[in-house]
């Protein structure tokens, strides 16, 4: 199942690459059951982590709303890319996904997703290049894949009105931080 999902995400990335080239990538917000969404993501990524003997922690802040208005398909694609990369470049320890919320007003919130790993890390000279299309860090024995996942993730998050950034140090792992503005959906209006 994980292999099928991985292959599906690679196809989605390639299709999105074409849409980006044609300026046709669109964000389609809909109601997202955030706890169920994160549970599905955790189930898939946990298996990947366990196959490598790594831990996977998901830390959901208690203030995070149960329903938000966001493009769940695109957000899943981004978080799958980020957690998949974190697992791929980690040999010992594991990956932690943290989700926080900052309340703007009654309906507007900012979700903050942090994907932290205990992996190989990235040299400072590479950090400004890591989101470029087809870029892979030189000399990484795990540098397999298409080299488009981070670039597409950055585009998706930017089109959603958010930001994505990377903090890393060689030998000390990496943390990718996604800030995403969304509408808080009341559970009563979500059914």
C-alpha atoms as a PDB file:
ATOM      1  CA  UNK A   1       0.000   0.000   0.000  1.00  0.00           C
ATOM      2  CA  UNK A   2       2.814   2.391   0.900  1.00  0.00           C
ATOM      3  CA  UNK A   3       4.503   1.640  -2.438  1.00  0.00           C
ATOM      4  CA  UNK A   4       1.272   2.416  -4.285  1.00  0.00           C
ATOM      5  CA  UNK A   5       0.850   5.697  -2.388  1.00  0.00           C
ATOM      6  CA  UNK A   6       4.482   6.604  -3.064  1.00  0.00           C
ATOM      7  CA  UNK A   7       4.092   5.917  -6.768  1.00  0.00           C
ATOM      8  CA  UNK A   8       0.843   7.906  -6.818  1.00  0.00           C
ATOM      9  CA  UNK A   9       2.581  10.863  -5.205  1.00  0.00           C
ATOM     10  CA  UNK A  10       5.399  10.730  -7.751  1.00  0.00           C
ATOM     11  CA  UNK A  11       2.800  10.819 -10.534  1.00  0.00           C
ATOM     12  CA  UNK A  12       1.046  13.731  -8.811  1.00  0.00           C
ATOM     13  CA  UNK A  13       4.357  15.596  -8.563  1.00  0.00           C
ATOM     14  CA  UNK A  14       5.073  15.064 -12.254  1.00  0.00           C
ATOM     15  CA  UNK A  15       1.567  16.180 -13.252  1.00  0.00           C
ATOM     16  CA  UNK A  16       1.873  19.216 -10.977  1.00  0.00           C
ATOM     17  CA  UNK A  17       5.211  20.048 -12.554  1.00  0.00           C
ATOM     18  CA  UNK A  18       3.449  20.334 -15.910  1.00  0.00           C
ATOM     19  CA  UNK A  19       0.690  22.440 -14.334  1.00  0.00           C
ATOM     20  CA  UNK A  20       3.268  24.755 -12.776  1.00  0.00           C
ATOM     21  CA  UNK A  21       4.987  25.172 -16.152  1.00  0.00           C
ATOM     22  CA  UNK A  22       1.630  26.110 -17.685  1.00  0.00           C
ATOM     23  CA  UNK A  23       0.572  28.249 -14.686  1.00  0.00           C
ATOM     24  CA  UNK A  24      -2.449  25.976 -14.136  1.00  0.00           C
ATOM     25  CA  UNK A  25      -1.788  24.634 -10.649  1.00  0.00           C
ATOM     26  CA  UNK A  26      -4.912  25.428  -8.641  1.00  0.00           C
ATOM     27  CA  UNK A  27      -5.730  25.257  -4.964  1.00  0.00           C
ATOM     28  CA  UNK A  28      -9.219  23.932  -4.205  1.00  0.00           C
ATOM     29  CA  UNK A  29     -10.075  24.538  -0.533  1.00  0.00           C
ATOM     30  CA  UNK A  30     -12.676  22.292   1.076  1.00  0.00           C
ATOM     31  CA  UNK A  31     -13.566  21.213   4.605  1.00  0.00           C
ATOM     32  CA  UNK A  32     -10.849  19.038   6.089  1.00  0.00           C
ATOM     33  CA  UNK A  33     -11.296  16.891   9.209  1.00  0.00           C
ATOM     34  CA  UNK A  34      -7.815  17.673  10.526  1.00  0.00           C
ATOM     35  CA  UNK A  35      -7.485  14.841  13.100  1.00  0.00           C
ATOM     36  CA  UNK A  36      -8.626  12.213  10.551  1.00  0.00           C
ATOM     37  CA  UNK A  37      -6.368  13.755   7.896  1.00  0.00           C
ATOM     38  CA  UNK A  38      -3.350  13.581  10.213  1.00  0.00           C
ATOM     39  CA  UNK A  39      -4.222  10.052  11.327  1.00  0.00           C
ATOM     40  CA  UNK A  40      -4.192   8.856   7.699  1.00  0.00           C
ATOM     41  CA  UNK A  41      -0.877  10.591   7.068  1.00  0.00           C
ATOM     42  CA  UNK A  42       0.586   9.111  10.249  1.00  0.00           C
ATOM     43  CA  UNK A  43      -0.496   5.574   9.313  1.00  0.00           C
ATOM     44  CA  UNK A  44       1.288   5.742   5.969  1.00  0.00           C
ATOM     45  CA  UNK A  45       4.463   7.408   7.174  1.00  0.00           C
ATOM     46  CA  UNK A  46       4.718   5.284  10.328  1.00  0.00           C
ATOM     47  CA  UNK A  47       5.070   2.148   8.210  1.00  0.00           C
ATOM     48  CA  UNK A  48       7.855   3.774   6.174  1.00  0.00           C
ATOM     49  CA  UNK A  49       9.661   4.786   9.378  1.00  0.00           C
ATOM     50  CA  UNK A  50       9.249   1.371  11.017  1.00  0.00           C
ATOM     51  CA  UNK A  51      10.642  -0.366   7.944  1.00  0.00           C
ATOM     52  CA  UNK A  52      13.874   1.592   8.574  1.00  0.00           C
ATOM     53  CA  UNK A  53      13.808   1.034  12.343  1.00  0.00           C
ATOM     54  CA  UNK A  54      12.996   4.704  13.018  1.00  0.00           C
ATOM     55  CA  UNK A  55      10.470   6.286  15.346  1.00  0.00           C
ATOM     56  CA  UNK A  56       7.704   8.569  14.127  1.00  0.00           C
ATOM     57  CA  UNK A  57       6.108  10.982  16.599  1.00  0.00           C
ATOM     58  CA  UNK A  58       3.080  13.110  15.778  1.00  0.00           C
ATOM     59  CA  UNK A  59       2.526  15.961  18.219  1.00  0.00           C
ATOM     60  CA  UNK A  60      -0.820  17.700  17.704  1.00  0.00           C
ATOM     61  CA  UNK A  61      -1.332  20.858  19.775  1.00  0.00           C
ATOM     62  CA  UNK A  62      -4.605  20.714  21.715  1.00  0.00           C
ATOM     63  CA  UNK A  63      -5.730  24.071  20.302  1.00  0.00           C
ATOM     64  CA  UNK A  64      -5.675  22.924  16.678  1.00  0.00           C
ATOM     65  CA  UNK A  65      -9.249  23.094  15.307  1.00  0.00           C
ATOM     66  CA  UNK A  66     -10.869  19.826  14.223  1.00  0.00           C
ATOM     67  CA  UNK A  67     -12.121  21.318  10.940  1.00  0.00           C
ATOM     68  CA  UNK A  68     -10.337  23.730   8.591  1.00  0.00           C
ATOM     69  CA  UNK A  69     -10.932  24.994   5.093  1.00  0.00           C
ATOM     70  CA  UNK A  70      -7.891  23.945   3.034  1.00  0.00           C
ATOM     71  CA  UNK A  71      -6.896  21.931  -0.005  1.00  0.00           C
ATOM     72  CA  UNK A  72      -6.527  18.590   1.762  1.00  0.00           C
ATOM     73  CA  UNK A  73      -5.215  16.780  -1.305  1.00  0.00           C
ATOM     74  CA  UNK A  74      -2.427  19.293  -1.862  1.00  0.00           C
ATOM     75  CA  UNK A  75      -1.611  19.528   1.846  1.00  0.00           C
ATOM     76  CA  UNK A  76      -1.350  15.720   2.040  1.00  0.00           C
ATOM     77  CA  UNK A  77       0.983  15.790  -0.965  1.00  0.00           C
ATOM     78  CA  UNK A  78       3.224  18.381   0.709  1.00  0.00           C
ATOM     79  CA  UNK A  79       3.346  16.646   4.094  1.00  0.00           C
ATOM     80  CA  UNK A  80       3.931  13.272   2.425  1.00  0.00           C
ATOM     81  CA  UNK A  81       6.882  14.779   0.509  1.00  0.00           C
ATOM     82  CA  UNK A  82       8.320  16.358   3.651  1.00  0.00           C
ATOM     83  CA  UNK A  83       7.939  13.347   5.955  1.00  0.00           C
ATOM     84  CA  UNK A  84       9.071  10.990   3.186  1.00  0.00           C
ATOM     85  CA  UNK A  85      12.242  13.032   2.694  1.00  0.00           C
ATOM     86  CA  UNK A  86      12.843  13.162   6.436  1.00  0.00           C
ATOM     87  CA  UNK A  87      12.576   9.379   6.679  1.00  0.00           C
ATOM     88  CA  UNK A  88      14.689   8.840   3.556  1.00  0.00           C
ATOM     89  CA  UNK A  89      17.583  10.933   4.904  1.00  0.00           C
ATOM     90  CA  UNK A  90      17.489   9.556   8.445  1.00  0.00           C
ATOM     91  CA  UNK A  91      19.384   6.409   9.428  1.00  0.00           C
ATOM     92  CA  UNK A  92      19.065   6.546  13.228  1.00  0.00           C
ATOM     93  CA  UNK A  93      16.538   8.133  15.547  1.00  0.00           C
ATOM     94  CA  UNK A  94      13.466   9.265  13.720  1.00  0.00           C
ATOM     95  CA  UNK A  95      11.038  11.926  12.615  1.00  0.00           C
ATOM     96  CA  UNK A  96       8.671  14.178  14.535  1.00  0.00           C
ATOM     97  CA  UNK A  97       5.690  15.956  12.969  1.00  0.00           C
ATOM     98  CA  UNK A  98       4.372  18.816  15.092  1.00  0.00           C
ATOM     99  CA  UNK A  99       1.205  20.773  14.373  1.00  0.00           C
ATOM    100  CA  UNK A 100       0.448  24.083  16.094  1.00  0.00           C
ATOM    101  CA  UNK A 101      -2.133  26.788  15.619  1.00  0.00           C
ATOM    102  CA  UNK A 102      -1.987  30.568  15.896  1.00  0.00           C
ATOM    103  CA  UNK A 103      -5.417  32.203  16.084  1.00  0.00           C
ATOM    104  CA  UNK A 104      -5.747  35.337  13.953  1.00  0.00           C
ATOM    105  CA  UNK A 105      -9.403  36.036  14.678  1.00  0.00           C
ATOM    106  CA  UNK A 106     -12.642  34.081  15.092  1.00  0.00           C
ATOM    107  CA  UNK A 107     -12.349  32.367  11.685  1.00  0.00           C
ATOM    108  CA  UNK A 108      -8.740  32.808  10.536  1.00  0.00           C
ATOM    109  CA  UNK A 109      -5.942  30.644  11.888  1.00  0.00           C
ATOM    110  CA  UNK A 110      -2.382  29.884  10.895  1.00  0.00           C
ATOM    111  CA  UNK A 111      -1.394  26.238  11.066  1.00  0.00           C
ATOM    112  CA  UNK A 112       2.279  25.539  11.633  1.00  0.00           C
ATOM    113  CA  UNK A 113       3.605  22.140  10.585  1.00  0.00           C
ATOM    114  CA  UNK A 114       7.132  21.184  11.612  1.00  0.00           C
ATOM    115  CA  UNK A 115       8.797  18.070  10.226  1.00  0.00           C
ATOM    116  CA  UNK A 116      11.933  17.439  12.261  1.00  0.00           C
ATOM    117  CA  UNK A 117      14.376  14.602  11.672  1.00  0.00           C
ATOM    118  CA  UNK A 118      17.586  13.301  13.218  1.00  0.00           C
ATOM    119  CA  UNK A 119      19.101  12.719   9.793  1.00  0.00           C
ATOM    120  CA  UNK A 120      22.221  13.754   7.955  1.00  0.00           C
ATOM    121  CA  UNK A 121      21.374  17.445   7.748  1.00  0.00           C
ATOM    122  CA  UNK A 122      22.200  19.865   4.956  1.00  0.00           C
ATOM    123  CA  UNK A 123      25.231  22.174   4.664  1.00  0.00           C
ATOM    124  CA  UNK A 124      24.492  25.906   4.969  1.00  0.00           C
ATOM    125  CA  UNK A 125      25.710  26.508   1.402  1.00  0.00           C
ATOM    126  CA  UNK A 126      22.992  24.173   0.095  1.00  0.00           C
ATOM    127  CA  UNK A 127      20.038  25.605   2.042  1.00  0.00           C
ATOM    128  CA  UNK A 128      19.177  28.360  -0.442  1.00  0.00           C
ATOM    129  CA  UNK A 129      19.173  25.854  -3.328  1.00  0.00           C
ATOM    130  CA  UNK A 130      17.192  23.016  -1.770  1.00  0.00           C
ATOM    131  CA  UNK A 131      13.782  24.174  -3.069  1.00  0.00           C
ATOM    132  CA  UNK A 132      15.010  24.559  -6.671  1.00  0.00           C
ATOM    133  CA  UNK A 133      13.488  22.246  -9.267  1.00  0.00           C
ATOM    134  CA  UNK A 134      15.506  19.018  -9.766  1.00  0.00           C
ATOM    135  CA  UNK A 135      18.041  19.995  -7.107  1.00  0.00           C
ATOM    136  CA  UNK A 136      19.563  17.282  -4.941  1.00  0.00           C
ATOM    137  CA  UNK A 137      22.307  17.802  -2.373  1.00  0.00           C
ATOM    138  CA  UNK A 138      25.614  16.574  -3.782  1.00  0.00           C
ATOM    139  CA  UNK A 139      27.234  13.580  -2.170  1.00  0.00           C
ATOM    140  CA  UNK A 140      24.130  12.267  -0.393  1.00  0.00           C
ATOM    141  CA  UNK A 141      23.967   8.509  -0.756  1.00  0.00           C
ATOM    142  CA  UNK A 142      20.181   8.677  -0.438  1.00  0.00           C
ATOM    143  CA  UNK A 143      19.737  11.278  -3.176  1.00  0.00           C
ATOM    144  CA  UNK A 144      17.259   9.219  -5.126  1.00  0.00           C
ATOM    145  CA  UNK A 145      13.988  10.348  -6.594  1.00  0.00           C
ATOM    146  CA  UNK A 146      12.955  13.044  -8.980  1.00  0.00           C
ATOM    147  CA  UNK A 147      14.313  16.127  -7.211  1.00  0.00           C
ATOM    148  CA  UNK A 148      10.986  17.917  -7.680  1.00  0.00           C
ATOM    149  CA  UNK A 149       9.120  17.199  -4.425  1.00  0.00           C
ATOM    150  CA  UNK A 150      10.415  20.169  -2.429  1.00  0.00           C
ATOM    151  CA  UNK A 151      10.039  22.612  -5.326  1.00  0.00           C
ATOM    152  CA  UNK A 152       6.439  21.536  -5.907  1.00  0.00           C
ATOM    153  CA  UNK A 153       5.723  21.613  -2.164  1.00  0.00           C
ATOM    154  CA  UNK A 154       6.989  25.184  -1.972  1.00  0.00           C
ATOM    155  CA  UNK A 155       4.802  26.197  -4.929  1.00  0.00           C
ATOM    156  CA  UNK A 156       1.700  24.529  -3.427  1.00  0.00           C
ATOM    157  CA  UNK A 157       2.207  26.203  -0.058  1.00  0.00           C
ATOM    158  CA  UNK A 158       2.870  29.608  -1.692  1.00  0.00           C
ATOM    159  CA  UNK A 159      -0.300  29.255  -3.799  1.00  0.00           C
ATOM    160  CA  UNK A 160      -2.166  28.455  -0.577  1.00  0.00           C
ATOM    161  CA  UNK A 161      -0.877  31.758   0.876  1.00  0.00           C
ATOM    162  CA  UNK A 162       1.681  30.127   3.146  1.00  0.00           C
ATOM    163  CA  UNK A 163       5.429  29.786   3.543  1.00  0.00           C
ATOM    164  CA  UNK A 164       7.866  26.913   3.787  1.00  0.00           C
ATOM    165  CA  UNK A 165      11.398  27.117   5.152  1.00  0.00           C
ATOM    166  CA  UNK A 166      14.191  24.791   6.154  1.00  0.00           C
ATOM    167  CA  UNK A 167      16.523  24.827   9.137  1.00  0.00           C
ATOM    168  CA  UNK A 168      19.369  22.331   9.052  1.00  0.00           C
ATOM    169  CA  UNK A 169      22.888  21.566  10.137  1.00  0.00           C
ATOM    170  CA  UNK A 170      25.074  18.702   8.929  1.00  0.00           C
ATOM    171  CA  UNK A 171      25.020  15.800  11.365  1.00  0.00           C
ATOM    172  CA  UNK A 172      22.228  17.355  13.424  1.00  0.00           C
ATOM    173  CA  UNK A 173      19.192  16.812  11.239  1.00  0.00           C
ATOM    174  CA  UNK A 174      16.713  19.144   9.610  1.00  0.00           C
ATOM    175  CA  UNK A 175      13.430  20.861  10.378  1.00  0.00           C
ATOM    176  CA  UNK A 176      11.058  21.958   7.645  1.00  0.00           C
ATOM    177  CA  UNK A 177       8.499  24.539   8.786  1.00  0.00           C
ATOM    178  CA  UNK A 178       5.253  25.156   6.911  1.00  0.00           C
ATOM    179  CA  UNK A 179       3.057  28.123   7.883  1.00  0.00           C
ATOM    180  CA  UNK A 180      -0.399  27.879   6.342  1.00  0.00           C
ATOM    181  CA  UNK A 181      -3.273  30.368   6.689  1.00  0.00           C
ATOM    182  CA  UNK A 182      -6.631  28.586   6.771  1.00  0.00           C
ATOM    183  CA  UNK A 183     -10.205  29.230   7.791  1.00  0.00           C
ATOM    184  CA  UNK A 184     -11.377  27.561  10.965  1.00  0.00           C
ATOM    185  CA  UNK A 185     -14.542  25.580  10.240  1.00  0.00           C
ATOM    186  CA  UNK A 186     -17.006  25.046  13.050  1.00  0.00           C
ATOM    187  CA  UNK A 187     -17.806  21.328  13.433  1.00  0.00           C
ATOM    188  CA  UNK A 188     -21.514  22.126  13.354  1.00  0.00           C
ATOM    189  CA  UNK A 189     -21.179  23.661   9.888  1.00  0.00           C
ATOM    190  CA  UNK A 190     -18.897  20.899   8.640  1.00  0.00           C
ATOM    191  CA  UNK A 191     -21.284  17.974   8.705  1.00  0.00           C
END
